[in-house]
Amino acid sequence: MLLRLGIIVPYRDRQEHLDVFAKYMCDFFRTDDLNCRITPRILLVEQVAGLPFNRGAIKNIGFKYLSPEVDFVCFHDIDLLPISADYRRSTHPSMIISDGLDFTPEFIKQLFGGVVVMEKDHFERANGFSNNYWGWGFEDVDLRERLLRINVQTDHRQGLFRKLPHVDEGSLPGGAPTEDHIKNKALYVSQWFRKVDAGFVRQRDISDSWKNDGLNKVAFTEVAARRSFHSIGQERFIFDRVAVAPFRRT
């Protein structure tokens, strides 16, 4: 029995990446022996212009579209192409990229993004991603904290990917963090950690505010209806695209 994997790809203004990603992913799942028992359904969720990019909200929206059609899900950056990767179902939510990022192996183990596979039930119980991270960063590690609060441990798998070149959206040309990066980091730290002499430690007792910010509260308008990329031409491979505008709560 083939398992249906829903791959949710947040997207904005990366046409050169999309041109490569669509064909590459089709070829990968068609020829890769390890993932041959998977039927991939990829949904590109495009955020239209007007507000800063909100990856968390966009991925929540993608989950709402795809969840009824698939057995488990994967959240996937469009600039990461699998060379040797394991997209199979996992007991624990798993980041499946270990090689190909511009970080040390030790630092990668602290992350929970890029390409992540998980059960639908885990995502729903964690209330998905926060919708409050506008601009670059921290919605992915925020999800890890939510999973820990429902007693679901995260994992890392070995996986080699090729990273497509692009401008670092979390840094200014000189290397300093952007205003959005600073703001999102402060939000993440204040939600889940407390300051101690040696740095920061996880708070044991936190408010339940995360239960009212996430999958259950994401609001958006569909700007362009979901449609298929018919040009791919693979019966086993479904690649759709939808354009949305998330609402910003004040």
C-alpha atoms as a PDB file:
ATOM      1  CA  MET A   1       0.000   0.000   0.000  1.00  0.00           C
ATOM      2  CA  LEU A   2       1.369   3.399  -0.993  1.00  0.00           C
ATOM      3  CA  LEU A   3       1.337   6.055   1.711  1.00  0.00           C
ATOM      4  CA  ARG A   4       0.250   9.556   0.757  1.00  0.00           C
ATOM      5  CA  LEU A   5       2.719  12.220   1.862  1.00  0.00           C
ATOM      6  CA  GLY A   6       1.590  15.843   1.796  1.00  0.00           C
ATOM      7  CA  ILE A   7       4.546  18.161   1.176  1.00  0.00           C
ATOM      8  CA  ILE A   8       3.744  21.762   2.085  1.00  0.00           C
ATOM      9  CA  VAL A   9       6.035  24.382   0.544  1.00  0.00           C
ATOM     10  CA  PRO A  10       5.772  28.024   1.695  1.00  0.00           C
ATOM     11  CA  TYR A  11       6.513  30.305  -1.240  1.00  0.00           C
ATOM     12  CA  ARG A  12       7.027  33.913  -2.193  1.00  0.00           C
ATOM     13  CA  ASP A  13       8.992  35.494  -5.059  1.00  0.00           C
ATOM     14  CA  ARG A  14      11.262  32.509  -5.773  1.00  0.00           C
ATOM     15  CA  GLN A  15      10.402  31.704  -9.386  1.00  0.00           C
ATOM     16  CA  GLU A  16      13.944  30.592 -10.202  1.00  0.00           C
ATOM     17  CA  HIS A  17      13.784  28.108  -7.312  1.00  0.00           C
ATOM     18  CA  LEU A  18      10.309  26.896  -8.248  1.00  0.00           C
ATOM     19  CA  ASP A  19      11.415  26.121 -11.807  1.00  0.00           C
ATOM     20  CA  VAL A  20      14.135  23.829 -10.444  1.00  0.00           C
ATOM     21  CA  PHE A  21      12.236  22.408  -7.459  1.00  0.00           C
ATOM     22  CA  ALA A  22       9.148  21.170  -9.322  1.00  0.00           C
ATOM     23  CA  LYS A  23      10.981  19.029 -11.863  1.00  0.00           C
ATOM     24  CA  TYR A  24      13.636  17.878  -9.411  1.00  0.00           C
ATOM     25  CA  MET A  25      11.119  16.597  -6.856  1.00  0.00           C
ATOM     26  CA  CYS A  26       9.166  14.767  -9.535  1.00  0.00           C
ATOM     27  CA  ASP A  27      12.323  13.009 -10.735  1.00  0.00           C
ATOM     28  CA  PHE A  28      13.451  12.240  -7.183  1.00  0.00           C
ATOM     29  CA  PHE A  29      10.280  10.446  -6.094  1.00  0.00           C
ATOM     30  CA  ARG A  30      10.051   8.673  -9.445  1.00  0.00           C
ATOM     31  CA  THR A  31      13.549   7.166  -9.222  1.00  0.00           C
ATOM     32  CA  ASP A  32      14.520   6.985  -5.529  1.00  0.00           C
ATOM     33  CA  ASP A  33      14.356   3.418  -4.196  1.00  0.00           C
ATOM     34  CA  LEU A  34      14.062   4.336  -0.501  1.00  0.00           C
ATOM     35  CA  ASN A  35      10.944   6.472  -1.023  1.00  0.00           C
ATOM     36  CA  CYS A  36       9.274   4.366  -3.702  1.00  0.00           C
ATOM     37  CA  ARG A  37       6.355   3.434  -1.405  1.00  0.00           C
ATOM     38  CA  ILE A  38       5.329   7.069  -1.039  1.00  0.00           C
ATOM     39  CA  THR A  39       2.796   8.944  -3.145  1.00  0.00           C
ATOM     40  CA  PRO A  40       3.781  12.605  -2.825  1.00  0.00           C
ATOM     41  CA  ARG A  41       1.259  15.417  -3.025  1.00  0.00           C
ATOM     42  CA  ILE A  42       3.055  18.733  -3.076  1.00  0.00           C
ATOM     43  CA  LEU A  43       1.202  21.959  -2.400  1.00  0.00           C
ATOM     44  CA  LEU A  44       2.978  25.236  -3.069  1.00  0.00           C
ATOM     45  CA  VAL A  45       1.340  27.848  -0.829  1.00  0.00           C
ATOM     46  CA  GLU A  46       2.123  31.304  -2.143  1.00  0.00           C
ATOM     47  CA  GLN A  47       1.731  34.374   0.060  1.00  0.00           C
ATOM     48  CA  VAL A  48       0.779  37.360  -2.066  1.00  0.00           C
ATOM     49  CA  ALA A  49       2.410  40.758  -1.629  1.00  0.00           C
ATOM     50  CA  GLY A  50       1.269  43.229   1.002  1.00  0.00           C
ATOM     51  CA  LEU A  51       2.590  41.953   4.337  1.00  0.00           C
ATOM     52  CA  PRO A  52       5.901  40.496   5.558  1.00  0.00           C
ATOM     53  CA  PHE A  53       6.302  36.798   4.794  1.00  0.00           C
ATOM     54  CA  ASN A  54       4.690  34.646   7.493  1.00  0.00           C
ATOM     55  CA  ARG A  55       6.008  31.118   7.045  1.00  0.00           C
ATOM     56  CA  GLY A  56       4.162  29.752  10.066  1.00  0.00           C
ATOM     57  CA  ALA A  57       0.744  30.945   8.910  1.00  0.00           C
ATOM     58  CA  ILE A  58       1.436  29.833   5.334  1.00  0.00           C
ATOM     59  CA  LYS A  59       2.343  26.322   6.502  1.00  0.00           C
ATOM     60  CA  ASN A  60      -0.770  26.174   8.694  1.00  0.00           C
ATOM     61  CA  ILE A  61      -2.863  27.128   5.670  1.00  0.00           C
ATOM     62  CA  GLY A  62      -1.161  24.467   3.569  1.00  0.00           C
ATOM     63  CA  PHE A  63      -1.922  21.856   6.211  1.00  0.00           C
ATOM     64  CA  LYS A  64      -5.600  22.786   6.161  1.00  0.00           C
ATOM     65  CA  TYR A  65      -5.711  22.237   2.402  1.00  0.00           C
ATOM     66  CA  LEU A  66      -3.745  18.977   2.278  1.00  0.00           C
ATOM     67  CA  SER A  67      -4.531  17.223   5.548  1.00  0.00           C
ATOM     68  CA  PRO A  68      -7.769  15.509   4.414  1.00  0.00           C
ATOM     69  CA  GLU A  69      -5.980  14.046   1.363  1.00  0.00           C
ATOM     70  CA  VAL A  70      -2.816  12.561   2.916  1.00  0.00           C
ATOM     71  CA  ASP A  71      -1.580  10.174   5.609  1.00  0.00           C
ATOM     72  CA  PHE A  72       1.282  12.300   6.973  1.00  0.00           C
ATOM     73  CA  VAL A  73       2.947  15.611   6.156  1.00  0.00           C
ATOM     74  CA  CYS A  74       6.263  17.265   5.390  1.00  0.00           C
ATOM     75  CA  PHE A  75       7.102  20.960   5.630  1.00  0.00           C
ATOM     76  CA  HIS A  76       9.694  21.702   2.973  1.00  0.00           C
ATOM     77  CA  ASP A  77      11.785  24.765   2.053  1.00  0.00           C
ATOM     78  CA  ILE A  78      11.791  25.377  -1.695  1.00  0.00           C
ATOM     79  CA  ASP A  79      15.556  25.938  -1.831  1.00  0.00           C
ATOM     80  CA  LEU A  80      16.448  22.445  -0.542  1.00  0.00           C
ATOM     81  CA  LEU A  81      16.772  19.582  -3.022  1.00  0.00           C
ATOM     82  CA  PRO A  82      17.141  15.998  -1.701  1.00  0.00           C
ATOM     83  CA  ILE A  83      20.135  13.997  -2.857  1.00  0.00           C
ATOM     84  CA  SER A  84      19.888  11.192  -0.312  1.00  0.00           C
ATOM     85  CA  ALA A  85      16.919  11.607   2.029  1.00  0.00           C
ATOM     86  CA  ASP A  86      14.339   9.562   3.915  1.00  0.00           C
ATOM     87  CA  TYR A  87      10.795  10.934   3.616  1.00  0.00           C
ATOM     88  CA  ARG A  88       9.177   7.835   5.117  1.00  0.00           C
ATOM     89  CA  ARG A  89       6.735   7.948   7.987  1.00  0.00           C
ATOM     90  CA  SER A  90       8.305   8.546  11.397  1.00  0.00           C
ATOM     91  CA  THR A  91       7.253   7.812  14.974  1.00  0.00           C
ATOM     92  CA  HIS A  92       8.619  11.192  16.036  1.00  0.00           C
ATOM     93  CA  PRO A  93       8.510  14.492  14.151  1.00  0.00           C
ATOM     94  CA  SER A  94      11.834  14.467  12.304  1.00  0.00           C
ATOM     95  CA  MET A  95      14.068  17.008  10.643  1.00  0.00           C
ATOM     96  CA  ILE A  96      15.445  14.955   7.759  1.00  0.00           C
ATOM     97  CA  ILE A  97      18.335  17.156   6.611  1.00  0.00           C
ATOM     98  CA  SER A  98      21.728  16.743   8.269  1.00  0.00           C
ATOM     99  CA  ASP A  99      24.050  17.765   5.426  1.00  0.00           C
ATOM    100  CA  GLY A 100      23.756  20.640   3.000  1.00  0.00           C
ATOM    101  CA  LEU A 101      23.062  23.580   5.282  1.00  0.00           C
ATOM    102  CA  ASP A 102      25.675  26.242   5.984  1.00  0.00           C
ATOM    103  CA  PHE A 103      25.937  25.225   9.642  1.00  0.00           C
ATOM    104  CA  THR A 104      27.980  22.857  11.757  1.00  0.00           C
ATOM    105  CA  PRO A 105      26.476  19.425  12.551  1.00  0.00           C
ATOM    106  CA  GLU A 106      26.216  20.461  16.204  1.00  0.00           C
ATOM    107  CA  PHE A 107      24.210  23.574  15.335  1.00  0.00           C
ATOM    108  CA  ILE A 108      21.953  21.681  12.918  1.00  0.00           C
ATOM    109  CA  LYS A 109      20.934  19.402  15.785  1.00  0.00           C
ATOM    110  CA  GLN A 110      19.571  22.482  17.564  1.00  0.00           C
ATOM    111  CA  LEU A 111      17.337  23.325  14.609  1.00  0.00           C
ATOM    112  CA  PHE A 112      13.947  21.969  13.594  1.00  0.00           C
ATOM    113  CA  GLY A 113      13.337  23.268  10.106  1.00  0.00           C
ATOM    114  CA  GLY A 114      14.305  23.064   6.470  1.00  0.00           C
ATOM    115  CA  VAL A 115      12.604  19.717   5.777  1.00  0.00           C
ATOM    116  CA  VAL A 116      10.489  18.176   8.559  1.00  0.00           C
ATOM    117  CA  VAL A 117       8.291  15.047   8.416  1.00  0.00           C
ATOM    118  CA  MET A 118       5.564  14.406  10.981  1.00  0.00           C
ATOM    119  CA  GLU A 119       2.252  12.800  11.753  1.00  0.00           C
ATOM    120  CA  LYS A 120      -0.885  14.876  11.237  1.00  0.00           C
ATOM    121  CA  ASP A 121      -2.025  14.103  14.768  1.00  0.00           C
ATOM    122  CA  HIS A 122       1.163  15.510  16.296  1.00  0.00           C
ATOM    123  CA  PHE A 123       0.826  18.706  14.306  1.00  0.00           C
ATOM    124  CA  GLU A 124      -2.825  19.143  15.246  1.00  0.00           C
ATOM    125  CA  ARG A 125      -2.237  18.463  18.940  1.00  0.00           C
ATOM    126  CA  ALA A 126       0.592  21.029  18.979  1.00  0.00           C
ATOM    127  CA  ASN A 127      -1.793  23.521  17.345  1.00  0.00           C
ATOM    128  CA  GLY A 128       0.551  23.862  14.388  1.00  0.00           C
ATOM    129  CA  PHE A 129       2.837  26.827  13.906  1.00  0.00           C
ATOM    130  CA  SER A 130       2.427  30.174  15.589  1.00  0.00           C
ATOM    131  CA  ASN A 131       0.893  32.819  13.322  1.00  0.00           C
ATOM    132  CA  ASN A 132       2.789  35.637  15.042  1.00  0.00           C
ATOM    133  CA  TYR A 133       6.216  35.375  13.392  1.00  0.00           C
ATOM    134  CA  TRP A 134       6.098  37.979  10.619  1.00  0.00           C
ATOM    135  CA  GLY A 135       9.329  38.177   8.643  1.00  0.00           C
ATOM    136  CA  TRP A 136      12.243  35.775   8.887  1.00  0.00           C
ATOM    137  CA  GLY A 137      12.731  33.069  11.447  1.00  0.00           C
ATOM    138  CA  PHE A 138      11.836  31.180  14.608  1.00  0.00           C
ATOM    139  CA  GLU A 139       8.441  29.729  13.691  1.00  0.00           C
ATOM    140  CA  ASP A 140      10.118  26.324  13.233  1.00  0.00           C
ATOM    141  CA  VAL A 141      11.826  26.102  16.630  1.00  0.00           C
ATOM    142  CA  ASP A 142       8.639  27.484  18.191  1.00  0.00           C
ATOM    143  CA  LEU A 143       6.857  24.402  16.800  1.00  0.00           C
ATOM    144  CA  ARG A 144       9.419  22.177  18.508  1.00  0.00           C
ATOM    145  CA  GLU A 145       8.569  23.800  21.858  1.00  0.00           C
ATOM    146  CA  ARG A 146       4.877  23.176  21.248  1.00  0.00           C
ATOM    147  CA  LEU A 147       5.559  19.520  20.513  1.00  0.00           C
ATOM    148  CA  LEU A 148       7.568  19.180  23.718  1.00  0.00           C
ATOM    149  CA  ARG A 149       4.621  20.643  25.673  1.00  0.00           C
ATOM    150  CA  ILE A 150       2.418  17.784  24.439  1.00  0.00           C
ATOM    151  CA  ASN A 151       5.168  15.279  25.345  1.00  0.00           C
ATOM    152  CA  VAL A 152       6.218  14.575  21.765  1.00  0.00           C
ATOM    153  CA  GLN A 153       9.971  14.372  21.293  1.00  0.00           C
ATOM    154  CA  THR A 154      11.522  15.543  18.029  1.00  0.00           C
ATOM    155  CA  ASP A 155      14.220  13.692  16.103  1.00  0.00           C
ATOM    156  CA  HIS A 156      16.870  14.186  13.406  1.00  0.00           C
ATOM    157  CA  ARG A 157      17.534  11.881  10.457  1.00  0.00           C
ATOM    158  CA  GLN A 158      20.534  11.687   8.195  1.00  0.00           C
ATOM    159  CA  GLY A 159      19.848  13.394   4.887  1.00  0.00           C
ATOM    160  CA  LEU A 160      21.968  15.042   2.222  1.00  0.00           C
ATOM    161  CA  PHE A 161      20.458  18.011   0.364  1.00  0.00           C
ATOM    162  CA  ARG A 162      21.629  20.588  -2.139  1.00  0.00           C
ATOM    163  CA  LYS A 163      20.860  24.143  -1.152  1.00  0.00           C
ATOM    164  CA  LEU A 164      19.927  26.557  -3.926  1.00  0.00           C
ATOM    165  CA  PRO A 165      21.601  29.980  -3.583  1.00  0.00           C
ATOM    166  CA  HIS A 166      19.576  32.910  -2.290  1.00  0.00           C
ATOM    167  CA  VAL A 167      19.924  36.055  -0.194  1.00  0.00           C
ATOM    168  CA  ASP A 168      19.846  35.511   3.578  1.00  0.00           C
ATOM    169  CA  GLU A 169      16.541  37.129   4.526  1.00  0.00           C
ATOM    170  CA  GLY A 170      17.420  37.170   8.211  1.00  0.00           C
ATOM    171  CA  SER A 171      20.511  39.343   7.810  1.00  0.00           C
ATOM    172  CA  LEU A 172      21.386  42.771   6.469  1.00  0.00           C
ATOM    173  CA  PRO A 173      24.119  43.081   3.802  1.00  0.00           C
ATOM    174  CA  GLY A 174      26.744  43.649   6.504  1.00  0.00           C
ATOM    175  CA  GLY A 175      25.709  40.522   8.390  1.00  0.00           C
ATOM    176  CA  ALA A 176      23.736  42.127  11.214  1.00  0.00           C
ATOM    177  CA  PRO A 177      20.284  40.635  11.928  1.00  0.00           C
ATOM    178  CA  THR A 178      17.254  42.323  10.399  1.00  0.00           C
ATOM    179  CA  GLU A 179      14.642  44.063  12.527  1.00  0.00           C
ATOM    180  CA  ASP A 180      12.215  41.185  11.939  1.00  0.00           C
ATOM    181  CA  HIS A 181      14.866  38.659  13.006  1.00  0.00           C
ATOM    182  CA  ILE A 182      15.473  40.546  16.263  1.00  0.00           C
ATOM    183  CA  LYS A 183      11.748  40.913  16.943  1.00  0.00           C
ATOM    184  CA  ASN A 184      10.975  37.241  16.236  1.00  0.00           C
ATOM    185  CA  LYS A 185      13.856  36.018  18.381  1.00  0.00           C
ATOM    186  CA  ALA A 186      12.622  38.145  21.292  1.00  0.00           C
ATOM    187  CA  LEU A 187       9.102  36.723  20.844  1.00  0.00           C
ATOM    188  CA  TYR A 188      10.399  33.146  20.781  1.00  0.00           C
ATOM    189  CA  VAL A 189      12.620  33.553  23.838  1.00  0.00           C
ATOM    190  CA  SER A 190       9.963  35.351  25.901  1.00  0.00           C
ATOM    191  CA  GLN A 191       7.369  32.661  25.119  1.00  0.00           C
ATOM    192  CA  TRP A 192       9.398  29.600  26.063  1.00  0.00           C
ATOM    193  CA  PHE A 193      12.488  30.533  28.114  1.00  0.00           C
ATOM    194  CA  ARG A 194      13.651  32.455  31.165  1.00  0.00           C
ATOM    195  CA  LYS A 195      16.935  34.206  31.793  1.00  0.00           C
ATOM    196  CA  VAL A 196      19.455  32.731  34.226  1.00  0.00           C
ATOM    197  CA  ASP A 197      23.066  33.609  34.967  1.00  0.00           C
ATOM    198  CA  ALA A 198      24.366  31.009  32.494  1.00  0.00           C
ATOM    199  CA  GLY A 199      22.002  32.055  29.687  1.00  0.00           C
ATOM    200  CA  PHE A 200      18.465  30.778  29.104  1.00  0.00           C
ATOM    201  CA  VAL A 201      16.551  27.698  30.273  1.00  0.00           C
ATOM    202  CA  ARG A 202      13.136  26.401  29.274  1.00  0.00           C
ATOM    203  CA  GLN A 203      10.293  27.599  31.446  1.00  0.00           C
ATOM    204  CA  ARG A 204       8.523  24.752  33.177  1.00  0.00           C
ATOM    205  CA  ASP A 205       5.284  26.632  33.643  1.00  0.00           C
ATOM    206  CA  ILE A 206       4.097  28.795  30.774  1.00  0.00           C
ATOM    207  CA  SER A 207       0.787  30.319  29.819  1.00  0.00           C
ATOM    208  CA  ASP A 208      -1.615  28.537  27.506  1.00  0.00           C
ATOM    209  CA  SER A 209      -1.462  31.390  24.968  1.00  0.00           C
ATOM    210  CA  TRP A 210       0.054  29.067  22.344  1.00  0.00           C
ATOM    211  CA  LYS A 211      -3.160  27.059  22.375  1.00  0.00           C
ATOM    212  CA  ASN A 212      -4.954  30.116  20.978  1.00  0.00           C
ATOM    213  CA  ASP A 213      -2.326  31.001  18.397  1.00  0.00           C
ATOM    214  CA  GLY A 214      -1.771  28.511  15.639  1.00  0.00           C
ATOM    215  CA  LEU A 215      -3.617  26.098  13.388  1.00  0.00           C
ATOM    216  CA  ASN A 216      -6.927  26.744  15.120  1.00  0.00           C
ATOM    217  CA  LYS A 217      -6.755  30.516  14.597  1.00  0.00           C
ATOM    218  CA  VAL A 218      -5.092  30.995  11.219  1.00  0.00           C
ATOM    219  CA  ALA A 219      -7.186  33.285   9.020  1.00  0.00           C
ATOM    220  CA  PHE A 220      -6.679  34.012   5.348  1.00  0.00           C
ATOM    221  CA  THR A 221      -8.236  34.852   2.021  1.00  0.00           C
ATOM    222  CA  GLU A 222      -7.749  32.621  -1.010  1.00  0.00           C
ATOM    223  CA  VAL A 223      -6.514  34.965  -3.735  1.00  0.00           C
ATOM    224  CA  ALA A 224      -5.978  32.426  -6.522  1.00  0.00           C
ATOM    225  CA  ALA A 225      -7.743  29.060  -6.375  1.00  0.00           C
ATOM    226  CA  ARG A 226      -5.790  25.840  -6.040  1.00  0.00           C
ATOM    227  CA  ARG A 227      -4.690  24.500  -9.407  1.00  0.00           C
ATOM    228  CA  SER A 228      -2.482  21.710 -10.716  1.00  0.00           C
ATOM    229  CA  PHE A 229       0.869  21.859 -12.439  1.00  0.00           C
ATOM    230  CA  HIS A 230      -0.343  19.676 -15.331  1.00  0.00           C
ATOM    231  CA  SER A 231       2.936  20.027 -17.188  1.00  0.00           C
ATOM    232  CA  ILE A 232       4.680  17.614 -14.794  1.00  0.00           C
ATOM    233  CA  GLY A 233       2.696  14.738 -16.259  1.00  0.00           C
ATOM    234  CA  GLN A 234       3.230  12.088 -13.578  1.00  0.00           C
ATOM    235  CA  GLU A 235       0.131  10.210 -12.404  1.00  0.00           C
ATOM    236  CA  ARG A 236       1.766   9.323  -9.072  1.00  0.00           C
ATOM    237  CA  PHE A 237       3.066  12.841  -8.547  1.00  0.00           C
ATOM    238  CA  ILE A 238       0.599  15.640  -7.723  1.00  0.00           C
ATOM    239  CA  PHE A 239       1.892  19.222  -7.571  1.00  0.00           C
ATOM    240  CA  ASP A 240      -0.656  21.977  -6.895  1.00  0.00           C
ATOM    241  CA  ARG A 241      -0.385  25.691  -6.255  1.00  0.00           C
ATOM    242  CA  VAL A 242      -2.591  28.104  -4.335  1.00  0.00           C
ATOM    243  CA  ALA A 243      -2.172  31.813  -3.542  1.00  0.00           C
ATOM    244  CA  VAL A 244      -3.367  33.222  -0.222  1.00  0.00           C
ATOM    245  CA  ALA A 245      -3.269  36.349   1.917  1.00  0.00           C
ATOM    246  CA  PRO A 246      -2.991  35.688   5.666  1.00  0.00           C
ATOM    247  CA  PHE A 247      -4.666  38.154   8.026  1.00  0.00           C
ATOM    248  CA  ARG A 248      -2.547  40.060  10.496  1.00  0.00           C
ATOM    249  CA  ARG A 249      -4.204  40.317  13.895  1.00  0.00           C
ATOM    250  CA  THR A 250      -3.668  43.581  15.751  1.00  0.00           C
END
